[in-house]
Amino acid sequence: MPARRQKKKSRPAKQRSRTSSRRWSKQVTQHSNALDLSRGVFAQKSPDKIAASLKRSAERSKRRKADPYRSALSMLTFYINRAGKNLPASRKRILNAAKGKLREKFHRA
C-alpha cells in the first residue's frame, strides 16, 4: 500500500503575494528590455529633466525592441501605473507633465 502524501500547507494569499513578489516592479525597471534607465530618474523634481533622461536612455539603449519614443513613454507610464494609490498627487502631476515634455522632445503632436 503506497504511503499517503500529506497536503502541503500554504500561506494565505495575502502573505504569499506580499513576500514573494513584493518588489517585482523594481526588478522590471532594472532588468527590462525596454531601457537602461539612469538611477533615480523618476525621483527628479523637474519634468524636463525626467523627459531628457528618458530620451537619452531610450536612444542609447541597445536592448529596446520598439522605437525610442515608445520605449521611453511606456516606461514612464509603467512607473505611474505601478505606483498607483501610493503616488502623491504632486508627483503624479510632475510625471504626467514629463509625458508632455517627452512628446515635445521627440517632436510628437
C-alpha atoms as a PDB file:
ATOM      1  CA  MET A   1       0.000   0.000   0.000  1.00  0.00           C
ATOM      2  CA  PRO A   2       1.561   3.367  -1.044  1.00  0.00           C
ATOM      3  CA  ALA A   3       2.328   5.953   1.602  1.00  0.00           C
ATOM      4  CA  ARG A   4      -0.148   8.747   1.792  1.00  0.00           C
ATOM      5  CA  ARG A   5       1.118  12.182   0.812  1.00  0.00           C
ATOM      6  CA  GLN A   6       0.449  14.978   3.194  1.00  0.00           C
ATOM      7  CA  LYS A   7      -1.012  18.100   1.733  1.00  0.00           C
ATOM      8  CA  LYS A   8       1.443  20.973   1.784  1.00  0.00           C
ATOM      9  CA  LYS A   9       0.171  23.798   3.911  1.00  0.00           C
ATOM     10  CA  SER A  10       0.258  27.070   2.069  1.00  0.00           C
ATOM     11  CA  ARG A  11       0.294  30.528   3.482  1.00  0.00           C
ATOM     12  CA  PRO A  12      -2.704  32.785   2.965  1.00  0.00           C
ATOM     13  CA  ALA A  13      -2.702  34.561  -0.397  1.00  0.00           C
ATOM     14  CA  LYS A  14      -2.183  37.971   1.197  1.00  0.00           C
ATOM     15  CA  GLN A  15       1.053  36.888   2.898  1.00  0.00           C
ATOM     16  CA  ARG A  16       2.290  34.934  -0.100  1.00  0.00           C
ATOM     17  CA  SER A  17       1.923  37.820  -2.529  1.00  0.00           C
ATOM     18  CA  ARG A  18       3.491  40.290  -0.142  1.00  0.00           C
ATOM     19  CA  THR A  19       6.617  38.245   0.473  1.00  0.00           C
ATOM     20  CA  SER A  20       7.297  36.568  -2.864  1.00  0.00           C
ATOM     21  CA  SER A  21       6.618  39.346  -5.342  1.00  0.00           C
ATOM     22  CA  ARG A  22       6.877  42.439  -3.228  1.00  0.00           C
ATOM     23  CA  ARG A  23       9.239  44.423  -5.418  1.00  0.00           C
ATOM     24  CA  TRP A  24       8.693  42.915  -8.851  1.00  0.00           C
ATOM     25  CA  SER A  25       8.148  46.326 -10.476  1.00  0.00           C
ATOM     26  CA  LYS A  26      11.571  47.463  -9.264  1.00  0.00           C
ATOM     27  CA  GLN A  27      13.108  44.421 -10.926  1.00  0.00           C
ATOM     28  CA  VAL A  28      11.211  45.173 -14.137  1.00  0.00           C
ATOM     29  CA  THR A  29      12.581  48.706 -14.313  1.00  0.00           C
ATOM     30  CA  GLN A  30      16.124  47.474 -13.619  1.00  0.00           C
ATOM     31  CA  HIS A  31      16.170  44.448 -15.914  1.00  0.00           C
ATOM     32  CA  SER A  32      13.658  45.392 -18.587  1.00  0.00           C
ATOM     33  CA  ASN A  33      14.463  45.005 -22.259  1.00  0.00           C
ATOM     34  CA  ALA A  34      12.865  48.382 -22.852  1.00  0.00           C
ATOM     35  CA  LEU A  35      15.511  50.737 -21.450  1.00  0.00           C
ATOM     36  CA  ASP A  36      18.681  51.082 -19.424  1.00  0.00           C
ATOM     37  CA  LEU A  37      17.485  53.773 -17.021  1.00  0.00           C
ATOM     38  CA  SER A  38      19.767  56.088 -15.121  1.00  0.00           C
ATOM     39  CA  ARG A  39      19.475  55.817 -11.352  1.00  0.00           C
ATOM     40  CA  GLY A  40      16.760  57.933  -9.715  1.00  0.00           C
ATOM     41  CA  VAL A  41      15.249  59.160 -12.971  1.00  0.00           C
ATOM     42  CA  PHE A  42      11.680  59.141 -11.620  1.00  0.00           C
ATOM     43  CA  ALA A  43      12.684  60.858  -8.372  1.00  0.00           C
ATOM     44  CA  GLN A  44      13.759  64.073 -10.109  1.00  0.00           C
ATOM     45  CA  LYS A  45      11.665  67.170  -9.479  1.00  0.00           C
ATOM     46  CA  SER A  46      11.716  68.636 -12.983  1.00  0.00           C
ATOM     47  CA  PRO A  47       9.516  67.131 -15.733  1.00  0.00           C
ATOM     48  CA  ASP A  48      12.031  68.416 -18.281  1.00  0.00           C
ATOM     49  CA  LYS A  49      14.910  66.538 -16.615  1.00  0.00           C
ATOM     50  CA  ILE A  50      12.859  63.339 -16.380  1.00  0.00           C
ATOM     51  CA  ALA A  51      11.951  63.564 -20.071  1.00  0.00           C
ATOM     52  CA  ALA A  52      15.545  64.355 -21.088  1.00  0.00           C
ATOM     53  CA  SER A  53      16.873  61.404 -19.095  1.00  0.00           C
ATOM     54  CA  LEU A  54      14.284  59.029 -20.553  1.00  0.00           C
ATOM     55  CA  LYS A  55      15.038  60.227 -24.074  1.00  0.00           C
ATOM     56  CA  ARG A  56      18.778  59.827 -23.560  1.00  0.00           C
ATOM     57  CA  SER A  57      18.298  56.330 -22.109  1.00  0.00           C
ATOM     58  CA  ALA A  58      15.948  55.284 -24.905  1.00  0.00           C
ATOM     59  CA  GLU A  59      18.288  56.461 -27.638  1.00  0.00           C
ATOM     60  CA  ARG A  60      21.363  54.842 -26.077  1.00  0.00           C
ATOM     61  CA  SER A  61      19.741  51.538 -25.133  1.00  0.00           C
ATOM     62  CA  LYS A  62      20.654  48.542 -27.242  1.00  0.00           C
ATOM     63  CA  ARG A  63      18.085  46.304 -25.512  1.00  0.00           C
ATOM     64  CA  ARG A  64      14.886  48.043 -26.565  1.00  0.00           C
ATOM     65  CA  LYS A  65      12.569  46.456 -29.085  1.00  0.00           C
ATOM     66  CA  ALA A  66      10.380  49.422 -30.068  1.00  0.00           C
ATOM     67  CA  ASP A  67      11.373  52.880 -31.265  1.00  0.00           C
ATOM     68  CA  PRO A  68      12.928  55.195 -28.636  1.00  0.00           C
ATOM     69  CA  TYR A  69       9.775  57.301 -28.111  1.00  0.00           C
ATOM     70  CA  ARG A  70       7.563  54.280 -27.453  1.00  0.00           C
ATOM     71  CA  SER A  71      10.082  52.722 -25.082  1.00  0.00           C
ATOM     72  CA  ALA A  72      10.515  55.905 -23.064  1.00  0.00           C
ATOM     73  CA  LEU A  73       6.797  56.624 -22.846  1.00  0.00           C
ATOM     74  CA  SER A  74       5.928  53.045 -21.921  1.00  0.00           C
ATOM     75  CA  MET A  75       8.479  53.021 -19.096  1.00  0.00           C
ATOM     76  CA  LEU A  76       7.098  56.303 -17.732  1.00  0.00           C
ATOM     77  CA  THR A  77       3.520  55.017 -17.959  1.00  0.00           C
ATOM     78  CA  PHE A  78       4.553  51.745 -16.339  1.00  0.00           C
ATOM     79  CA  TYR A  79       6.065  53.616 -13.403  1.00  0.00           C
ATOM     80  CA  ILE A  80       2.965  55.798 -12.938  1.00  0.00           C
ATOM     81  CA  ASN A  81       0.607  52.819 -13.129  1.00  0.00           C
ATOM     82  CA  ARG A  82       2.623  50.645 -10.739  1.00  0.00           C
ATOM     83  CA  ALA A  83       2.865  53.407  -8.133  1.00  0.00           C
ATOM     84  CA  GLY A  84      -0.932  53.582  -8.120  1.00  0.00           C
ATOM     85  CA  LYS A  85      -2.517  54.973  -4.979  1.00  0.00           C
ATOM     86  CA  ASN A  86       0.866  55.336  -3.273  1.00  0.00           C
ATOM     87  CA  LEU A  87       1.900  58.100  -5.676  1.00  0.00           C
ATOM     88  CA  PRO A  88       1.208  61.559  -4.211  1.00  0.00           C
ATOM     89  CA  ALA A  89      -0.764  63.967  -6.389  1.00  0.00           C
ATOM     90  CA  SER A  90       2.220  66.328  -6.685  1.00  0.00           C
ATOM     91  CA  ARG A  91       4.463  63.522  -8.048  1.00  0.00           C
ATOM     92  CA  LYS A  92       1.736  62.388 -10.410  1.00  0.00           C
ATOM     93  CA  ARG A  93       1.437  65.919 -11.805  1.00  0.00           C
ATOM     94  CA  ILE A  94       5.197  66.082 -12.363  1.00  0.00           C
ATOM     95  CA  LEU A  95       5.285  62.676 -14.057  1.00  0.00           C
ATOM     96  CA  ASN A  96       2.303  63.476 -16.279  1.00  0.00           C
ATOM     97  CA  ALA A  97       3.968  66.752 -17.217  1.00  0.00           C
ATOM     98  CA  ALA A  98       7.052  64.702 -18.112  1.00  0.00           C
ATOM     99  CA  LYS A  99       4.893  62.829 -20.648  1.00  0.00           C
ATOM    100  CA  GLY A 100       4.146  66.131 -22.368  1.00  0.00           C
ATOM    101  CA  LYS A 101       7.816  67.121 -22.314  1.00  0.00           C
ATOM    102  CA  LEU A 102       8.731  63.732 -23.753  1.00  0.00           C
ATOM    103  CA  ARG A 103       6.314  64.303 -26.653  1.00  0.00           C
ATOM    104  CA  GLU A 104       7.940  67.695 -27.283  1.00  0.00           C
ATOM    105  CA  LYS A 105      11.452  66.268 -27.205  1.00  0.00           C
ATOM    106  CA  PHE A 106      10.551  63.594 -29.753  1.00  0.00           C
ATOM    107  CA  HIS A 107       8.634  66.150 -31.864  1.00  0.00           C
ATOM    108  CA  ARG A 108       5.282  64.375 -31.483  1.00  0.00           C
ATOM    109  CA  ALA A 109       1.914  66.098 -31.505  1.00  0.00           C
END
